[in-house]
Amino acid sequence: MINLQRFLTIICFLCLTQAYSHGDLDKRILAVTEEIKKSPDSAQLYFKRGKLYYQHDDYQLSIKDINYSIDLGYLDIEQELLLSKNYFELKDYTNALLFVDSILNKSPNDVVFLKIKAQTLFQDAQYEKSAIYFEKVIKYSSKTFPENYIDASEAWYLSPNDKAFDNSISILNQGIETLGQIISLLEKKVELYMAIDDFDMAIESQESIIKTLNRKEHAYSKLAELYMGNNDFEKAEEALNLSENSIKILPLRIQNTSNIKSLKEEIKQKKIQITDTITN
C-alpha cells in the first residue's frame, strides 16, 4: 500500500500540475537545467525537470527526462504516475495503461489510480472496462461523489454490453440510493431516457427533480419539453403555466435578469409551438 505521506505528495502533484504560467515554467526549467549542468548524474534533478516539462505541455521531453532519471537509478511511484499522464496526453493509451497498471499492482484498491485507469480506458474507447473501474472507484472510496456514478453510467451507456442501458441506469439509481436525490444524477437519468425516447421515465425523473428544487421555473419548462416530446400537449401547457407561476413569485430583481427573460421567451415560444401543433 502507498503510505499517507506519499499519497498526499501525489495528490499535491495532481493539483499543482497547472499552477504555473508558461513564462514562470520557462524560467524554472532553465534554472533546473543549470543545476543539471553542475550535477549531471542527479536523477532527482532530471525528474524535477521532467515534472516541469509536463506542466509546460512538453510531454515527449518530460518522458525523456523521467526515463533518464530511471536510468540513473531512481524509480518512484510518482515517476510511473507522470509517465502515465504524459502518455495519456499524447493519446498513447497503451503505454498510459501500462504505467498505471504497474502502480495498481502495488496498490490495487487505491481510488486515485483506479480513477486514472478508468478515465484512460474511457478515452481509449474501452467503455465496458472503464465502467467496471469507475465502479471500483465507488466501491473503494471512503466517500464517493455524484461524478463517479455519472462517469460509470456514461461508460456503461457507450459500452457494447447487452445490458449497457440497464447498467447505466442501475448505477445512477445506486448513487441516488446512497447519496440522496442529487440533481446531477436525476438529470443524467432524464438525459438517458430521452436518448431512447422513453419520455414516461424521463418525466418521472424530471418530476423528482422538481420536488427536490427550491426554485422550479426552469425545471417546469424542461418538464413541458418532455410532455411535448410525449405528445401530451395538455400536460405540457400545464407545466409551462407552472413555470410562469414560479417566475412570478421570484423577487423583481431576479425576474429582470437576462436568464429569466430568456426563460420567459422560451415559454412563449413553446406555447406557440403547442398551439400550432394542435391546430395543424
Protein backbone atom coordinates (compact mmCIF):
# COMPACT_ATOMS: atom_id res chain seq x y z
CA MET A 1 0.00 0.00 0.00
CA ILE A 2 1.07 3.60 -0.62
CA ASN A 3 1.78 5.35 2.67
CA LEU A 4 -0.11 8.51 3.65
CA GLN A 5 2.79 10.89 3.09
CA ARG A 6 3.37 9.53 -0.40
CA PHE A 7 -0.35 9.66 -1.15
CA LEU A 8 -0.53 13.34 -0.13
CA THR A 9 2.54 14.12 -2.23
CA ILE A 10 0.88 12.58 -5.28
CA ILE A 11 -2.38 14.45 -4.66
CA CYS A 12 -0.46 17.73 -4.38
CA PHE A 13 1.32 16.92 -7.63
CA LEU A 14 -2.01 16.28 -9.39
CA CYS A 15 -3.39 19.58 -8.10
CA LEU A 16 -0.36 21.67 -8.96
CA THR A 17 0.36 20.48 -12.49
CA GLN A 18 -1.25 23.63 -13.92
CA ALA A 19 -0.21 26.00 -11.13
CA TYR A 20 2.43 27.93 -13.06
CA SER A 21 2.17 30.03 -16.21
CA HIS A 22 4.32 29.02 -19.17
CA GLY A 23 6.55 32.07 -18.57
CA ASP A 24 7.22 31.00 -14.99
CA LEU A 25 7.81 27.44 -16.12
CA ASP A 26 10.34 28.56 -18.74
CA LYS A 27 12.37 30.21 -16.00
CA ARG A 28 12.08 27.21 -13.69
CA ILE A 29 13.11 24.80 -16.48
CA LEU A 30 16.16 26.94 -17.28
CA ALA A 31 17.09 27.05 -13.59
CA VAL A 32 16.89 23.26 -13.24
CA THR A 33 18.84 22.84 -16.49
CA GLU A 34 21.64 24.92 -14.97
CA GLU A 35 21.54 22.69 -11.87
CA ILE A 36 21.81 19.61 -14.11
CA LYS A 37 24.93 21.05 -15.76
CA LYS A 38 26.52 21.19 -12.31
CA SER A 39 25.23 17.76 -11.26
CA PRO A 40 24.75 15.76 -14.49
CA ASP A 41 24.28 12.47 -12.63
CA SER A 42 21.44 13.67 -10.43
CA ALA A 43 18.39 11.52 -11.11
CA GLN A 44 16.28 13.78 -8.87
CA LEU A 45 17.08 16.83 -10.99
CA TYR A 46 16.10 15.08 -14.21
CA PHE A 47 12.85 14.01 -12.58
CA LYS A 48 12.29 17.56 -11.33
CA ARG A 49 12.73 18.91 -14.84
CA GLY A 50 10.53 16.13 -16.22
CA LYS A 51 7.71 17.34 -13.96
CA LEU A 52 8.20 20.89 -15.17
CA TYR A 53 8.17 19.77 -18.81
CA TYR A 54 4.87 18.01 -18.16
CA GLN A 55 3.39 21.20 -16.70
CA HIS A 56 4.72 23.02 -19.77
CA ASP A 57 2.88 20.52 -22.05
CA ASP A 58 6.22 19.24 -23.41
CA TYR A 59 5.25 15.61 -22.97
CA GLN A 60 7.99 13.97 -25.05
CA LEU A 61 10.68 15.96 -23.23
CA SER A 62 9.08 15.03 -19.92
CA ILE A 63 9.14 11.33 -20.82
CA LYS A 64 12.78 11.60 -21.90
CA ASP A 65 13.85 13.20 -18.60
CA ILE A 66 11.85 10.77 -16.45
CA ASN A 67 13.28 7.78 -18.28
CA TYR A 68 16.77 9.20 -17.86
CA SER A 69 16.18 9.62 -14.12
CA ILE A 70 15.19 5.92 -14.04
CA ASP A 71 18.35 5.01 -15.97
CA LEU A 72 20.32 6.86 -13.27
CA GLY A 73 18.83 4.54 -10.66
CA TYR A 74 15.86 6.48 -9.29
CA LEU A 75 12.47 4.73 -9.51
CA ASP A 76 9.42 6.01 -7.69
CA ILE A 77 5.66 5.70 -8.00
CA GLU A 78 5.45 9.40 -8.89
CA GLN A 79 7.53 8.70 -11.99
CA GLU A 80 5.16 5.95 -13.09
CA LEU A 81 2.22 8.26 -12.50
CA LEU A 82 3.79 11.05 -14.50
CA LEU A 83 4.75 8.72 -17.33
CA SER A 84 1.15 7.50 -17.45
CA LYS A 85 -0.15 11.08 -17.56
CA ASN A 86 2.33 12.05 -20.28
CA TYR A 87 1.30 9.13 -22.47
CA PHE A 88 -2.36 9.94 -21.76
CA GLU A 89 -1.86 13.47 -23.08
CA LEU A 90 -0.12 12.04 -26.14
CA LYS A 91 -3.12 9.71 -26.64
CA ASP A 92 -0.81 6.72 -26.31
CA TYR A 93 -3.27 4.88 -24.11
CA THR A 94 -1.44 1.55 -24.29
CA ASN A 95 1.59 2.96 -22.51
CA ALA A 96 -0.56 5.11 -20.22
CA LEU A 97 -2.33 1.96 -19.03
CA LEU A 98 0.97 0.08 -18.74
CA PHE A 99 2.28 2.50 -16.12
CA VAL A 100 -0.95 2.94 -14.17
CA ASP A 101 -1.26 -0.87 -14.05
CA SER A 102 2.22 -1.04 -12.59
CA ILE A 103 1.06 1.27 -9.81
CA LEU A 104 -2.13 -0.71 -9.23
CA ASN A 105 -0.11 -3.91 -8.92
CA LYS A 106 1.39 -2.37 -5.79
CA SER A 107 -1.83 -0.79 -4.51
CA PRO A 108 -4.83 -2.44 -6.23
CA ASN A 109 -7.57 -0.60 -4.32
CA ASP A 110 -6.17 2.93 -4.47
CA VAL A 111 -9.05 5.07 -5.77
CA VAL A 112 -6.79 7.77 -7.25
CA PHE A 113 -5.15 5.31 -9.62
CA LEU A 114 -8.32 3.30 -10.21
CA LYS A 115 -9.91 6.51 -11.46
CA ILE A 116 -6.95 7.33 -13.67
CA LYS A 117 -7.23 3.86 -15.20
CA ALA A 118 -10.99 4.24 -15.67
CA GLN A 119 -10.52 7.60 -17.41
CA THR A 120 -7.76 6.22 -19.63
CA LEU A 121 -9.87 3.21 -20.64
CA PHE A 122 -12.75 5.57 -21.43
CA GLN A 123 -10.57 7.70 -23.71
CA ASP A 124 -9.34 4.51 -25.37
CA ALA A 125 -12.99 3.60 -26.09
CA GLN A 126 -12.78 0.52 -23.83
CA TYR A 127 -16.09 1.52 -22.32
CA GLU A 128 -17.11 -1.66 -20.53
CA LYS A 129 -13.73 -1.98 -18.79
CA SER A 130 -13.89 1.73 -17.99
CA ALA A 131 -17.32 1.31 -16.36
CA ILE A 132 -16.03 -1.59 -14.26
CA TYR A 133 -13.12 0.54 -13.00
CA PHE A 134 -15.35 3.52 -12.28
CA GLU A 135 -17.47 1.16 -10.19
CA LYS A 136 -14.30 0.08 -8.36
CA VAL A 137 -13.67 3.75 -7.57
CA ILE A 138 -17.14 3.86 -5.99
CA LYS A 139 -16.61 0.60 -4.13
CA TYR A 140 -13.28 1.50 -2.54
CA SER A 141 -13.88 5.21 -1.88
CA SER A 142 -14.42 6.13 1.75
CA LYS A 143 -16.61 8.95 0.48
CA THR A 144 -17.89 8.92 -3.06
CA PHE A 145 -19.27 11.72 -5.23
CA PRO A 146 -22.04 12.04 -7.84
CA GLU A 147 -19.48 12.41 -10.65
CA ASN A 148 -18.24 8.86 -10.03
CA TYR A 149 -21.71 7.44 -10.64
CA ILE A 150 -22.20 9.67 -13.69
CA ASP A 151 -18.85 8.61 -15.15
CA ALA A 152 -19.70 4.93 -14.63
CA SER A 153 -23.15 5.46 -16.15
CA GLU A 154 -21.70 7.18 -19.22
CA ALA A 155 -19.17 4.39 -19.74
CA TRP A 156 -21.85 1.70 -19.41
CA TYR A 157 -24.11 3.55 -21.84
CA LEU A 158 -21.40 3.63 -24.51
CA SER A 159 -20.33 0.02 -23.98
CA PRO A 160 -21.31 -2.83 -26.34
CA ASN A 161 -22.67 -4.84 -23.42
CA ASP A 162 -26.18 -6.23 -23.98
CA LYS A 163 -27.25 -4.73 -20.66
CA ALA A 164 -25.48 -1.42 -21.26
CA PHE A 165 -28.53 0.79 -20.78
CA ASP A 166 -29.85 -1.13 -17.78
CA ASN A 167 -26.41 -0.97 -16.14
CA SER A 168 -26.19 2.74 -16.91
CA ILE A 169 -29.48 3.43 -15.14
CA SER A 170 -28.73 0.97 -12.33
CA ILE A 171 -25.53 2.71 -11.26
CA LEU A 172 -27.34 6.07 -11.19
CA ASN A 173 -30.06 4.55 -9.02
CA GLN A 174 -27.33 3.20 -6.74
CA GLY A 175 -25.94 6.72 -6.47
CA ILE A 176 -29.37 8.15 -5.63
CA GLU A 177 -29.91 5.45 -3.01
CA THR A 178 -26.51 6.20 -1.47
CA LEU A 179 -26.34 9.98 -1.77
CA GLY A 180 -29.99 11.02 -1.97
CA GLN A 181 -31.92 12.91 -4.65
CA ILE A 182 -28.88 14.54 -6.20
CA ILE A 183 -29.91 16.77 -9.12
CA SER A 184 -27.00 15.82 -11.38
CA LEU A 185 -27.84 12.11 -11.03
CA LEU A 186 -31.51 12.71 -11.78
CA GLU A 187 -30.63 14.93 -14.74
CA LYS A 188 -28.44 12.15 -16.13
CA LYS A 189 -31.39 9.76 -15.89
CA VAL A 190 -33.55 12.24 -17.81
CA GLU A 191 -30.84 12.51 -20.48
CA LEU A 192 -30.53 8.73 -20.85
CA TYR A 193 -34.27 8.13 -21.06
CA MET A 194 -34.62 10.93 -23.62
CA ALA A 195 -31.89 9.28 -25.70
CA ILE A 196 -34.12 6.21 -26.16
CA ASP A 197 -37.36 8.24 -26.40
CA ASP A 198 -38.70 6.83 -23.14
CA PHE A 199 -40.50 10.03 -22.20
CA ASP A 200 -42.59 8.44 -19.45
CA MET A 201 -39.48 7.52 -17.45
CA ALA A 202 -37.82 10.84 -18.31
CA ILE A 203 -40.89 12.65 -16.97
CA GLU A 204 -40.80 10.59 -13.78
CA SER A 205 -37.17 11.58 -13.18
CA GLN A 206 -37.87 15.23 -14.04
CA GLU A 207 -40.73 15.29 -11.53
CA SER A 208 -38.26 14.04 -8.89
CA ILE A 209 -36.01 16.97 -9.78
CA ILE A 210 -38.88 19.40 -9.34
CA LYS A 211 -39.69 18.01 -5.89
CA THR A 212 -36.06 18.48 -4.85
CA LEU A 213 -35.54 22.04 -6.11
CA ASN A 214 -36.48 25.22 -4.29
CA ARG A 215 -36.60 27.22 -7.50
CA LYS A 216 -38.59 25.31 -10.08
CA GLU A 217 -39.10 27.66 -13.04
CA HIS A 218 -36.50 26.05 -15.33
CA ALA A 219 -37.40 22.52 -14.23
CA TYR A 220 -41.08 23.03 -15.10
CA SER A 221 -40.08 24.32 -18.54
CA LYS A 222 -37.98 21.19 -19.04
CA LEU A 223 -40.94 19.07 -17.91
CA ALA A 224 -43.08 20.79 -20.55
CA GLU A 225 -40.49 19.89 -23.18
CA LEU A 226 -40.72 16.24 -22.15
CA TYR A 227 -44.51 16.26 -22.29
CA MET A 228 -44.31 17.81 -25.76
CA GLY A 229 -41.98 15.01 -26.84
CA ASN A 230 -44.57 12.57 -25.49
CA ASN A 231 -47.35 14.37 -27.45
CA ASP A 232 -49.15 15.23 -24.22
CA PHE A 233 -49.77 18.89 -25.01
CA GLU A 234 -52.30 19.48 -22.25
CA LYS A 235 -49.78 18.45 -19.59
CA ALA A 236 -47.09 20.43 -21.42
CA GLU A 237 -49.16 23.61 -21.19
CA GLU A 238 -49.85 22.94 -17.52
CA ALA A 239 -46.11 22.65 -16.89
CA LEU A 240 -45.46 25.90 -18.75
CA ASN A 241 -48.08 27.66 -16.64
CA LEU A 242 -46.40 26.33 -13.51
CA SER A 243 -43.10 27.66 -14.83
CA GLU A 244 -44.65 31.09 -15.32
CA ASN A 245 -46.17 31.00 -11.83
CA SER A 246 -42.77 30.09 -10.39
CA ILE A 247 -41.29 33.13 -12.11
CA LYS A 248 -43.98 35.44 -10.71
CA ILE A 249 -43.06 34.64 -7.10
CA LEU A 250 -39.40 35.49 -7.65
CA PRO A 251 -38.06 38.85 -6.44
CA LEU A 252 -38.32 41.54 -9.14
CA ARG A 253 -34.54 41.87 -9.39
CA ILE A 254 -34.34 38.16 -10.36
CA GLN A 255 -37.33 38.41 -12.70
CA ASN A 256 -35.48 41.14 -14.58
CA THR A 257 -32.28 39.13 -15.13
CA SER A 258 -31.36 38.08 -18.65
CA ASN A 259 -31.65 34.43 -17.61
CA ILE A 260 -35.30 34.76 -16.58
CA LYS A 261 -36.13 36.98 -19.56
CA SER A 262 -34.75 34.25 -21.83
CA LEU A 263 -36.84 31.66 -19.99
CA LYS A 264 -39.99 33.77 -20.46
CA GLU A 265 -39.30 33.93 -24.19
CA GLU A 266 -38.68 30.18 -24.24
CA ILE A 267 -42.05 29.56 -22.54
CA LYS A 268 -43.76 31.86 -25.02
CA GLN A 269 -42.25 30.01 -27.98
CA LYS A 270 -43.21 26.62 -26.54
CA LYS A 271 -46.80 27.76 -26.12
CA ILE A 272 -46.86 28.95 -29.73
CA GLN A 273 -45.44 25.59 -30.82
CA ILE A 274 -48.13 23.72 -28.86
CA THR A 275 -50.90 25.85 -30.40
CA ASP A 276 -49.51 25.36 -33.91
CA THR A 277 -49.20 21.59 -33.41
CA ILE A 278 -52.76 21.25 -32.09
CA THR A 279 -54.36 23.40 -34.79
CA ASN A 280 -52.47 21.89 -37.74
